């Protein structure tokens, strides 16, 4: 059985994949996810610092999904694989 949070995460990833494709940044995002893994934790900290500003633009569920990807290498790798599989 799939938990609700996993379904929400996949929906968020699908929205991100669509946006990245529209902005033609999918390959750049994949490059960042694959090659910049040592700085993911720093990126997560920057996101937390910017949280008061970001909350006006980024829904809470998407904010949590972003920090999860940045903090957990397995999540970053899973999102990269998801991007590769999306048409």
PDB file of N, CA and C in Angstrom:
ATOM      1  N   UNK A   1       0.844  -1.190   0.000  1.00  0.00           N
ATOM      2  CA  UNK A   1       0.000   0.000   0.000  1.00  0.00           C
ATOM      3  C   UNK A   1       0.880   1.240   0.000  1.00  0.00           C
ATOM      4  N   UNK A   2       0.542   2.227  -0.801  1.00  0.00           N
ATOM      5  CA  UNK A   2       1.308   3.454  -0.892  1.00  0.00           C
ATOM      6  C   UNK A   2       0.738   4.473   0.077  1.00  0.00           C
ATOM      7  N   UNK A   3       1.628   5.073   0.877  1.00  0.00           N
ATOM      8  CA  UNK A   3       1.196   6.081   1.830  1.00  0.00           C
ATOM      9  C   UNK A   3       0.843   7.367   1.095  1.00  0.00           C
ATOM     10  N   UNK A   4      -0.004   8.187   1.718  1.00  0.00           N
ATOM     11  CA  UNK A   4      -0.411   9.449   1.132  1.00  0.00           C
ATOM     12  C   UNK A   4       0.756  10.378   0.856  1.00  0.00           C
ATOM     13  N   UNK A   5       1.760  10.395   1.739  1.00  0.00           N
ATOM     14  CA  UNK A   5       2.896  11.290   1.533  1.00  0.00           C
ATOM     15  C   UNK A   5       3.697  10.887   0.299  1.00  0.00           C
ATOM     16  N   UNK A   6       3.751   9.583  -0.005  1.00  0.00           N
ATOM     17  CA  UNK A   6       4.458   9.144  -1.197  1.00  0.00           C
ATOM     18  C   UNK A   6       3.712   9.568  -2.454  1.00  0.00           C
ATOM     19  N   UNK A   7       2.401   9.500  -2.416  1.00  0.00           N
ATOM     20  CA  UNK A   7       1.607   9.945  -3.551  1.00  0.00           C
ATOM     21  C   UNK A   7       1.805  11.438  -3.752  1.00  0.00           C
ATOM     22  N   UNK A   8       1.756  12.204  -2.677  1.00  0.00           N
ATOM     23  CA  UNK A   8       1.952  13.638  -2.773  1.00  0.00           C
ATOM     24  C   UNK A   8       3.325  13.969  -3.339  1.00  0.00           C
ATOM     25  N   UNK A   9       4.334  13.245  -2.901  1.00  0.00           N
ATOM     26  CA  UNK A   9       5.693  13.488  -3.383  1.00  0.00           C
ATOM     27  C   UNK A   9       5.782  13.245  -4.885  1.00  0.00           C
ATOM     28  N   UNK A  10       5.198  12.170  -5.361  1.00  0.00           N
ATOM     29  CA  UNK A  10       5.222  11.884  -6.799  1.00  0.00           C
ATOM     30  C   UNK A  10       4.475  12.959  -7.583  1.00  0.00           C
ATOM     31  N   UNK A  11       3.383  13.462  -7.032  1.00  0.00           N
ATOM     32  CA  UNK A  11       2.655  14.537  -7.702  1.00  0.00           C
ATOM     33  C   UNK A  11       3.509  15.796  -7.777  1.00  0.00           C
ATOM     34  N   UNK A  12       4.193  16.102  -6.699  1.00  0.00           N
ATOM     35  CA  UNK A  12       5.082  17.264  -6.679  1.00  0.00           C
ATOM     36  C   UNK A  12       6.202  17.068  -7.682  1.00  0.00           C
ATOM     37  N   UNK A  13       6.795  15.887  -7.699  1.00  0.00           N
ATOM     38  CA  UNK A  13       7.882  15.611  -8.660  1.00  0.00           C
ATOM     39  C   UNK A  13       7.384  15.764 -10.085  1.00  0.00           C
ATOM     40  N   UNK A  14       6.151  15.308 -10.366  1.00  0.00           N
ATOM     41  CA  UNK A  14       5.581  15.426 -11.705  1.00  0.00           C
ATOM     42  C   UNK A  14       5.425  16.894 -12.100  1.00  0.00           C
ATOM     43  N   UNK A  15       4.970  17.717 -11.156  1.00  0.00           N
ATOM     44  CA  UNK A  15       4.834  19.154 -11.427  1.00  0.00           C
ATOM     45  C   UNK A  15       6.204  19.776 -11.708  1.00  0.00           C
ATOM     46  N   UNK A  16       7.192  19.416 -10.902  1.00  0.00           N
ATOM     47  CA  UNK A  16       8.543  19.938 -11.098  1.00  0.00           C
ATOM     48  C   UNK A  16       9.092  19.499 -12.449  1.00  0.00           C
ATOM     49  N   UNK A  17       8.899  18.229 -12.791  1.00  0.00           N
ATOM     50  CA  UNK A  17       9.404  17.714 -14.072  1.00  0.00           C
ATOM     51  C   UNK A  17       8.779  18.477 -15.233  1.00  0.00           C
ATOM     52  N   UNK A  18       7.488  18.754 -15.134  1.00  0.00           N
ATOM     53  CA  UNK A  18       6.810  19.517 -16.184  1.00  0.00           C
ATOM     54  C   UNK A  18       7.394  20.918 -16.297  1.00  0.00           C
ATOM     55  N   UNK A  19       7.581  21.578 -15.156  1.00  0.00           N
ATOM     56  CA  UNK A  19       8.148  22.930 -15.167  1.00  0.00           C
ATOM     57  C   UNK A  19       9.570  22.931 -15.717  1.00  0.00           C
ATOM     58  N   UNK A  20      10.376  21.996 -15.282  1.00  0.00           N
ATOM     59  CA  UNK A  20      11.758  21.926 -15.765  1.00  0.00           C
ATOM     60  C   UNK A  20      11.796  21.701 -17.268  1.00  0.00           C
ATOM     61  N   UNK A  21      10.891  20.866 -17.757  1.00  0.00           N
ATOM     62  CA  UNK A  21      10.827  20.608 -19.195  1.00  0.00           C
ATOM     63  C   UNK A  21      10.394  21.866 -19.948  1.00  0.00           C
ATOM     64  N   UNK A  22       9.393  22.557 -19.426  1.00  0.00           N
ATOM     65  CA  UNK A  22       8.912  23.783 -20.077  1.00  0.00           C
ATOM     66  C   UNK A  22       9.994  24.854 -20.111  1.00  0.00           C
ATOM     67  N   UNK A  23      10.763  24.951 -19.037  1.00  0.00           N
ATOM     68  CA  UNK A  23      11.826  25.959 -18.956  1.00  0.00           C
ATOM     69  C   UNK A  23      13.115  25.479 -19.619  1.00  0.00           C
ATOM     70  N   UNK A  24      13.088  24.252 -20.142  1.00  0.00           N
ATOM     71  CA  UNK A  24      14.258  23.630 -20.776  1.00  0.00           C
ATOM     72  C   UNK A  24      15.442  23.530 -19.812  1.00  0.00           C
ATOM     73  N   UNK A  25      15.131  23.196 -18.569  1.00  0.00           N
ATOM     74  CA  UNK A  25      16.156  23.065 -17.533  1.00  0.00           C
ATOM     75  C   UNK A  25      16.280  21.640 -17.006  1.00  0.00           C
ATOM     76  N   UNK A  26      15.605  20.697 -17.648  1.00  0.00           N
ATOM     77  CA  UNK A  26      15.630  19.309 -17.184  1.00  0.00           C
ATOM     78  C   UNK A  26      17.051  18.753 -17.168  1.00  0.00           C
ATOM     79  N   UNK A  27      17.786  18.931 -18.263  1.00  0.00           N
ATOM     80  CA  UNK A  27      19.149  18.402 -18.324  1.00  0.00           C
ATOM     81  C   UNK A  27      20.064  19.084 -17.315  1.00  0.00           C
ATOM     82  N   UNK A  28      19.867  20.388 -17.122  1.00  0.00           N
ATOM     83  CA  UNK A  28      20.665  21.114 -16.130  1.00  0.00           C
ATOM     84  C   UNK A  28      20.365  20.597 -14.720  1.00  0.00           C
ATOM     85  N   UNK A  29      19.073  20.372 -14.422  1.00  0.00           N
ATOM     86  CA  UNK A  29      18.696  19.840 -13.115  1.00  0.00           C
ATOM     87  C   UNK A  29      19.301  18.456 -12.895  1.00  0.00           C
ATOM     88  N   UNK A  30      19.281  17.617 -13.933  1.00  0.00           N
ATOM     89  CA  UNK A  30      19.900  16.296 -13.822  1.00  0.00           C
ATOM     90  C   UNK A  30      21.391  16.411 -13.563  1.00  0.00           C
ATOM     91  N   UNK A  31      22.050  17.332 -14.262  1.00  0.00           N
ATOM     92  CA  UNK A  31      23.478  17.537 -14.055  1.00  0.00           C
ATOM     93  C   UNK A  31      23.744  17.948 -12.605  1.00  0.00           C
ATOM     94  N   UNK A  32      22.928  18.883 -12.081  1.00  0.00           N
ATOM     95  CA  UNK A  32      23.100  19.315 -10.689  1.00  0.00           C
ATOM     96  C   UNK A  32      22.885  18.163  -9.713  1.00  0.00           C
ATOM     97  N   UNK A  33      21.849  17.393  -9.955  1.00  0.00           N
ATOM     98  CA  UNK A  33      21.563  16.279  -9.047  1.00  0.00           C
ATOM     99  C   UNK A  33      22.668  15.237  -9.071  1.00  0.00           C
ATOM    100  N   UNK A  34      23.239  15.003 -10.240  1.00  0.00           N
ATOM    101  CA  UNK A  34      24.273  13.976 -10.370  1.00  0.00           C
ATOM    102  C   UNK A  34      25.650  14.451  -9.923  1.00  0.00           C
ATOM    103  N   UNK A  35      25.994  15.685 -10.249  1.00  0.00           N
ATOM    104  CA  UNK A  35      27.381  16.104 -10.022  1.00  0.00           C
ATOM    105  C   UNK A  35      27.580  16.993  -8.806  1.00  0.00           C
ATOM    106  N   UNK A  36      26.535  17.602  -8.317  1.00  0.00           N
ATOM    107  CA  UNK A  36      26.698  18.545  -7.219  1.00  0.00           C
ATOM    108  C   UNK A  36      26.258  17.966  -5.877  1.00  0.00           C
ATOM    109  N   UNK A  37      26.282  16.659  -5.754  1.00  0.00           N
ATOM    110  CA  UNK A  37      25.799  16.038  -4.524  1.00  0.00           C
ATOM    111  C   UNK A  37      26.525  16.502  -3.263  1.00  0.00           C
ATOM    112  N   UNK A  38      27.826  16.840  -3.308  1.00  0.00           N
ATOM    113  CA  UNK A  38      28.463  17.312  -2.079  1.00  0.00           C
ATOM    114  C   UNK A  38      27.888  18.634  -1.553  1.00  0.00           C
ATOM    115  N   UNK A  39      27.290  19.436  -2.408  1.00  0.00           N
ATOM    116  CA  UNK A  39      26.767  20.722  -1.953  1.00  0.00           C
ATOM    117  C   UNK A  39      25.263  20.691  -1.688  1.00  0.00           C
ATOM    118  N   UNK A  40      24.655  19.543  -1.796  1.00  0.00           N
ATOM    119  CA  UNK A  40      23.218  19.439  -1.534  1.00  0.00           C
ATOM    120  C   UNK A  40      22.881  19.877  -0.118  1.00  0.00           C
ATOM    121  N   UNK A  41      23.686  19.451   0.863  1.00  0.00           N
ATOM    122  CA  UNK A  41      23.406  19.794   2.260  1.00  0.00           C
ATOM    123  C   UNK A  41      23.498  21.301   2.461  1.00  0.00           C
ATOM    124  N   UNK A  42      24.456  21.936   1.812  1.00  0.00           N
ATOM    125  CA  UNK A  42      24.571  23.396   1.896  1.00  0.00           C
ATOM    126  C   UNK A  42      23.339  24.036   1.262  1.00  0.00           C
ATOM    127  N   UNK A  43      22.906  23.492   0.140  1.00  0.00           N
ATOM    128  CA  UNK A  43      21.700  23.993  -0.517  1.00  0.00           C
ATOM    129  C   UNK A  43      20.480  23.881   0.385  1.00  0.00           C
ATOM    130  N   UNK A  44      20.382  22.773   1.097  1.00  0.00           N
ATOM    131  CA  UNK A  44      19.260  22.589   2.017  1.00  0.00           C
ATOM    132  C   UNK A  44      19.284  23.649   3.108  1.00  0.00           C
ATOM    133  N   UNK A  45      20.471  23.937   3.613  1.00  0.00           N
ATOM    134  CA  UNK A  45      20.588  24.967   4.651  1.00  0.00           C
ATOM    135  C   UNK A  45      20.187  26.338   4.106  1.00  0.00           C
ATOM    136  N   UNK A  46      20.573  26.636   2.873  1.00  0.00           N
ATOM    137  CA  UNK A  46      20.176  27.907   2.256  1.00  0.00           C
ATOM    138  C   UNK A  46      18.664  27.990   2.075  1.00  0.00           C
ATOM    139  N   UNK A  47      18.054  26.864   1.733  1.00  0.00           N
ATOM    140  CA  UNK A  47      16.599  26.839   1.593  1.00  0.00           C
ATOM    141  C   UNK A  47      15.944  27.100   2.942  1.00  0.00           C
ATOM    142  N   UNK A  48      16.474  26.485   4.002  1.00  0.00           N
ATOM    143  CA  UNK A  48      15.916  26.730   5.339  1.00  0.00           C
ATOM    144  C   UNK A  48      16.070  28.189   5.738  1.00  0.00           C
ATOM    145  N   UNK A  49      17.217  28.788   5.436  1.00  0.00           N
ATOM    146  CA  UNK A  49      17.443  30.200   5.764  1.00  0.00           C
ATOM    147  C   UNK A  49      16.455  31.084   4.998  1.00  0.00           C
ATOM    148  N   UNK A  50      16.210  30.741   3.746  1.00  0.00           N
ATOM    149  CA  UNK A  50      15.292  31.516   2.931  1.00  0.00           C
ATOM    150  C   UNK A  50      13.834  31.153   3.097  1.00  0.00           C
ATOM    151  N   UNK A  51      13.544  30.256   4.020  1.00  0.00           N
ATOM    152  CA  UNK A  51      12.170  29.766   4.194  1.00  0.00           C
ATOM    153  C   UNK A  51      11.147  30.893   4.359  1.00  0.00           C
ATOM    154  N   UNK A  52      11.405  31.914   5.169  1.00  0.00           N
ATOM    155  CA  UNK A  52      10.380  32.965   5.297  1.00  0.00           C
ATOM    156  C   UNK A  52      10.028  33.628   3.959  1.00  0.00           C
ATOM    157  N   UNK A  53      11.006  33.811   3.100  1.00  0.00           N
ATOM    158  CA  UNK A  53      10.738  34.404   1.795  1.00  0.00           C
ATOM    159  C   UNK A  53      10.113  33.399   0.840  1.00  0.00           C
ATOM    160  N   UNK A  54      10.596  32.168   0.886  1.00  0.00           N
ATOM    161  CA  UNK A  54      10.112  31.140  -0.027  1.00  0.00           C
ATOM    162  C   UNK A  54       8.676  30.725   0.248  1.00  0.00           C
ATOM    163  N   UNK A  55       8.251  30.823   1.505  1.00  0.00           N
ATOM    164  CA  UNK A  55       6.891  30.393   1.847  1.00  0.00           C
ATOM    165  C   UNK A  55       5.827  31.174   1.083  1.00  0.00           C
ATOM    166  N   UNK A  56       6.157  32.391   0.669  1.00  0.00           N
ATOM    167  CA  UNK A  56       5.194  33.184  -0.095  1.00  0.00           C
ATOM    168  C   UNK A  56       5.008  32.640  -1.507  1.00  0.00           C
ATOM    169  N   UNK A  57       6.019  31.909  -2.006  1.00  0.00           N
ATOM    170  CA  UNK A  57       5.997  31.426  -3.390  1.00  0.00           C
ATOM    171  C   UNK A  57       5.889  29.917  -3.525  1.00  0.00           C
ATOM    172  N   UNK A  58       6.307  29.190  -2.503  1.00  0.00           N
ATOM    173  CA  UNK A  58       6.379  27.734  -2.582  1.00  0.00           C
ATOM    174  C   UNK A  58       5.444  27.120  -1.539  1.00  0.00           C
ATOM    175  N   UNK A  59       4.467  26.324  -1.973  1.00  0.00           N
ATOM    176  CA  UNK A  59       3.591  25.648  -1.007  1.00  0.00           C
ATOM    177  C   UNK A  59       4.402  24.765  -0.055  1.00  0.00           C
ATOM    178  N   UNK A  60       3.886  24.582   1.155  1.00  0.00           N
ATOM    179  CA  UNK A  60       4.609  23.852   2.191  1.00  0.00           C
ATOM    180  C   UNK A  60       5.003  22.445   1.763  1.00  0.00           C
ATOM    181  N   UNK A  61       4.126  21.725   1.073  1.00  0.00           N
ATOM    182  CA  UNK A  61       4.450  20.367   0.637  1.00  0.00           C
ATOM    183  C   UNK A  61       5.620  20.346  -0.332  1.00  0.00           C
ATOM    184  N   UNK A  62       5.667  21.323  -1.217  1.00  0.00           N
ATOM    185  CA  UNK A  62       6.778  21.400  -2.162  1.00  0.00           C
ATOM    186  C   UNK A  62       8.069  21.797  -1.448  1.00  0.00           C
ATOM    187  N   UNK A  63       7.957  22.657  -0.449  1.00  0.00           N
ATOM    188  CA  UNK A  63       9.126  23.066   0.331  1.00  0.00           C
ATOM    189  C   UNK A  63       9.736  21.850   1.030  1.00  0.00           C
ATOM    190  N   UNK A  64       8.891  21.041   1.655  1.00  0.00           N
ATOM    191  CA  UNK A  64       9.369  19.839   2.344  1.00  0.00           C
ATOM    192  C   UNK A  64       9.988  18.850   1.356  1.00  0.00           C
ATOM    193  N   UNK A  65       9.394  18.711   0.179  1.00  0.00           N
ATOM    194  CA  UNK A  65       9.937  17.800  -0.831  1.00  0.00           C
ATOM    195  C   UNK A  65      11.306  18.276  -1.304  1.00  0.00           C
ATOM    196  N   UNK A  66      11.465  19.585  -1.477  1.00  0.00           N
ATOM    197  CA  UNK A  66      12.749  20.135  -1.911  1.00  0.00           C
ATOM    198  C   UNK A  66      13.830  19.899  -0.864  1.00  0.00           C
ATOM    199  N   UNK A  67      13.528  20.183   0.395  1.00  0.00           N
ATOM    200  CA  UNK A  67      14.546  19.961   1.433  1.00  0.00           C
ATOM    201  C   UNK A  67      14.855  18.480   1.590  1.00  0.00           C
ATOM    202  N   UNK A  68      13.868  17.629   1.383  1.00  0.00           N
ATOM    203  CA  UNK A  68      14.106  16.185   1.458  1.00  0.00           C
ATOM    204  C   UNK A  68      15.094  15.746   0.373  1.00  0.00           C
ATOM    205  N   UNK A  69      14.924  16.275  -0.832  1.00  0.00           N
ATOM    206  CA  UNK A  69      15.831  15.939  -1.933  1.00  0.00           C
ATOM    207  C   UNK A  69      17.240  16.439  -1.633  1.00  0.00           C
ATOM    208  N   UNK A  70      17.336  17.631  -1.076  1.00  0.00           N
ATOM    209  CA  UNK A  70      18.651  18.211  -0.814  1.00  0.00           C
ATOM    210  C   UNK A  70      19.360  17.546   0.362  1.00  0.00           C
ATOM    211  N   UNK A  71      18.610  17.103   1.354  1.00  0.00           N
ATOM    212  CA  UNK A  71      19.215  16.520   2.552  1.00  0.00           C
ATOM    213  C   UNK A  71      19.539  15.035   2.417  1.00  0.00           C
ATOM    214  N   UNK A  72      18.789  14.338   1.581  1.00  0.00           N
ATOM    215  CA  UNK A  72      18.931  12.888   1.510  1.00  0.00           C
ATOM    216  C   UNK A  72      19.412  12.479   0.120  1.00  0.00           C
ATOM    217  N   UNK A  73      20.656  12.025   0.022  1.00  0.00           N
ATOM    218  CA  UNK A  73      21.183  11.622  -1.285  1.00  0.00           C
ATOM    219  C   UNK A  73      20.307  10.593  -2.004  1.00  0.00           C
ATOM    220  N   UNK A  74      19.685   9.699  -1.266  1.00  0.00           N
ATOM    221  CA  UNK A  74      18.825   8.696  -1.893  1.00  0.00           C
ATOM    222  C   UNK A  74      17.609   9.356  -2.552  1.00  0.00           C
ATOM    223  N   UNK A  75      17.084  10.408  -1.920  1.00  0.00           N
ATOM    224  CA  UNK A  75      15.957  11.137  -2.505  1.00  0.00           C
ATOM    225  C   UNK A  75      16.392  11.890  -3.761  1.00  0.00           C
ATOM    226  N   UNK A  76      17.575  12.487  -3.717  1.00  0.00           N
ATOM    227  CA  UNK A  76      18.097  13.197  -4.890  1.00  0.00           C
ATOM    228  C   UNK A  76      18.269  12.228  -6.053  1.00  0.00           C
ATOM    229  N   UNK A  77      18.804  11.062  -5.764  1.00  0.00           N
ATOM    230  CA  UNK A  77      19.005  10.052  -6.801  1.00  0.00           C
ATOM    231  C   UNK A  77      17.655   9.559  -7.336  1.00  0.00           C
ATOM    232  N   UNK A  78      16.693   9.388  -6.442  1.00  0.00           N
ATOM    233  CA  UNK A  78      15.364   8.936  -6.864  1.00  0.00           C
ATOM    234  C   UNK A  78      14.694   9.988  -7.752  1.00  0.00           C
ATOM    235  N   UNK A  79      14.849  11.264  -7.414  1.00  0.00           N
ATOM    236  CA  UNK A  79      14.261  12.312  -8.249  1.00  0.00           C
ATOM    237  C   UNK A  79      14.955  12.381  -9.606  1.00  0.00           C
ATOM    238  N   UNK A  80      16.274  12.204  -9.612  1.00  0.00           N
ATOM    239  CA  UNK A  80      17.004  12.191 -10.881  1.00  0.00           C
ATOM    240  C   UNK A  80      16.508  11.043 -11.764  1.00  0.00           C
ATOM    241  N   UNK A  81      16.317   9.874 -11.201  1.00  0.00           N
ATOM    242  CA  UNK A  81      15.788   8.741 -11.959  1.00  0.00           C
ATOM    243  C   UNK A  81      14.379   9.037 -12.453  1.00  0.00           C
ATOM    244  N   UNK A  82      13.575   9.670 -11.622  1.00  0.00           N
ATOM    245  CA  UNK A  82      12.224  10.053 -12.010  1.00  0.00           C
ATOM    246  C   UNK A  82      12.279  10.997 -13.205  1.00  0.00           C
ATOM    247  N   UNK A  83      13.173  11.986 -13.171  1.00  0.00           N
ATOM    248  CA  UNK A  83      13.309  12.909 -14.299  1.00  0.00           C
ATOM    249  C   UNK A  83      13.727  12.192 -15.579  1.00  0.00           C
ATOM    250  N   UNK A  84      14.610  11.223 -15.452  1.00  0.00           N
ATOM    251  CA  UNK A  84      15.064  10.476 -16.629  1.00  0.00           C
ATOM    252  C   UNK A  84      13.928   9.665 -17.255  1.00  0.00           C
ATOM    253  N   UNK A  85      13.014   9.187 -16.428  1.00  0.00           N
ATOM    254  CA  UNK A  85      11.915   8.343 -16.903  1.00  0.00           C
ATOM    255  C   UNK A  85      10.761   9.151 -17.462  1.00  0.00           C
ATOM    256  N   UNK A  86      10.612  10.409 -17.031  1.00  0.00           N
ATOM    257  CA  UNK A  86       9.495  11.236 -17.490  1.00  0.00           C
ATOM    258  C   UNK A  86       9.693  11.597 -18.959  1.00  0.00           C
ATOM    259  N   UNK A  87       8.620  11.548 -19.735  1.00  0.00           N
ATOM    260  CA  UNK A  87       8.743  11.902 -21.168  1.00  0.00           C
ATOM    261  C   UNK A  87       8.988  13.395 -21.365  1.00  0.00           C
TER     262      UNK A  87
END
